[in-house]
Amino acid sequence: MGEAFVWMYRIETACRMQIDALSGGAALNPVSDATQKRTIEQGLKMYAPGGFIEAGLEWLALIRQLERASGTDYRN
């Protein structure tokens, strides 16, 4: 469940950034093909099984953030 939430959270954050960028009214600078390719390669290494960003750790961090914001211990 935690991993599914983290993926949804990442997608929602990316969509929010896209909407914010497009609604600002300023001209956007296109990202080069080389930059896009490099970013994809890095993401595949980071988020792949065995990569250094694990959804389980991110989920635990989000739970701690929830607990701080609500002032309660979510797990109890």
Protein backbone atom coordinates (compact mmCIF):
# COMPACT_ATOMS: atom_id res chain seq x y z
CA MET A 1 0.00 0.00 0.00
CA GLY A 2 2.80 2.38 0.86
CA GLU A 3 4.54 1.89 -2.47
CA ALA A 4 1.29 2.45 -4.40
CA PHE A 5 0.67 5.67 -2.47
CA VAL A 6 4.21 6.92 -3.08
CA TRP A 7 3.88 6.38 -6.85
CA MET A 8 0.52 8.17 -6.85
CA TYR A 9 2.03 10.99 -4.77
CA ARG A 10 4.92 11.40 -7.23
CA ILE A 11 2.58 11.51 -10.22
CA GLU A 12 0.26 14.02 -8.53
CA THR A 13 3.22 16.24 -7.62
CA ALA A 14 4.53 16.16 -11.20
CA CYS A 15 1.06 17.07 -12.53
CA ARG A 16 0.79 19.96 -10.07
CA MET A 17 4.17 21.31 -11.19
CA GLN A 18 3.13 21.00 -14.84
CA ILE A 19 -0.11 22.90 -14.24
CA ASP A 20 1.68 25.59 -12.23
CA ALA A 21 4.26 26.04 -14.99
CA LEU A 22 1.65 26.27 -17.73
CA SER A 23 -0.65 28.63 -15.82
CA GLY A 24 2.08 31.18 -15.06
CA GLY A 25 1.69 32.90 -18.42
CA ALA A 26 5.44 33.08 -19.12
CA ALA A 27 7.08 31.35 -22.03
CA LEU A 28 8.53 28.02 -21.02
CA ASN A 29 11.99 26.89 -22.06
CA PRO A 30 11.85 23.50 -23.74
CA VAL A 31 14.04 20.78 -22.30
CA SER A 32 16.59 19.38 -24.74
CA ASP A 33 16.38 15.78 -25.93
CA ALA A 34 19.72 15.06 -24.26
CA THR A 35 18.47 16.36 -20.91
CA GLN A 36 15.28 14.32 -21.20
CA LYS A 37 17.26 11.17 -22.01
CA ARG A 38 19.68 11.69 -19.12
CA THR A 39 16.83 12.35 -16.68
CA ILE A 40 15.05 9.16 -17.74
CA GLU A 41 18.26 7.15 -17.33
CA GLN A 42 18.82 8.56 -13.84
CA GLY A 43 15.22 7.90 -12.83
CA LEU A 44 15.41 4.29 -14.00
CA LYS A 45 18.51 3.76 -11.85
CA MET A 46 17.12 5.55 -8.81
CA TYR A 47 13.64 4.03 -8.69
CA ALA A 48 14.38 0.54 -10.05
CA PRO A 49 14.51 -2.42 -7.68
CA GLY A 50 17.81 -2.09 -5.86
CA GLY A 51 18.03 1.61 -6.67
CA PHE A 52 18.91 4.05 -3.93
CA ILE A 53 15.41 5.51 -3.60
CA GLU A 54 13.07 3.00 -2.08
CA ALA A 55 9.35 3.69 -1.88
CA GLY A 56 9.17 2.03 1.54
CA LEU A 57 11.53 4.62 3.04
CA GLU A 58 9.64 7.46 1.39
CA TRP A 59 6.36 6.08 2.78
CA LEU A 60 7.79 6.09 6.32
CA ALA A 61 8.93 9.69 5.86
CA LEU A 62 5.45 10.71 4.70
CA ILE A 63 3.91 9.01 7.75
CA ARG A 64 6.26 10.97 10.03
CA GLN A 65 5.29 14.18 8.21
CA LEU A 66 1.59 13.35 8.75
CA GLU A 67 2.22 12.72 12.43
CA ARG A 68 4.01 16.06 12.86
CA ALA A 69 1.27 17.96 11.02
CA SER A 70 -1.59 16.33 12.93
CA GLY A 71 0.16 16.20 16.29
CA THR A 72 -0.77 12.54 16.73
CA ASP A 73 0.92 9.19 16.45
CA TYR A 74 -0.72 7.68 13.36
CA ARG A 75 0.58 4.19 14.14
CA ASN A 76 -1.06 3.97 17.59
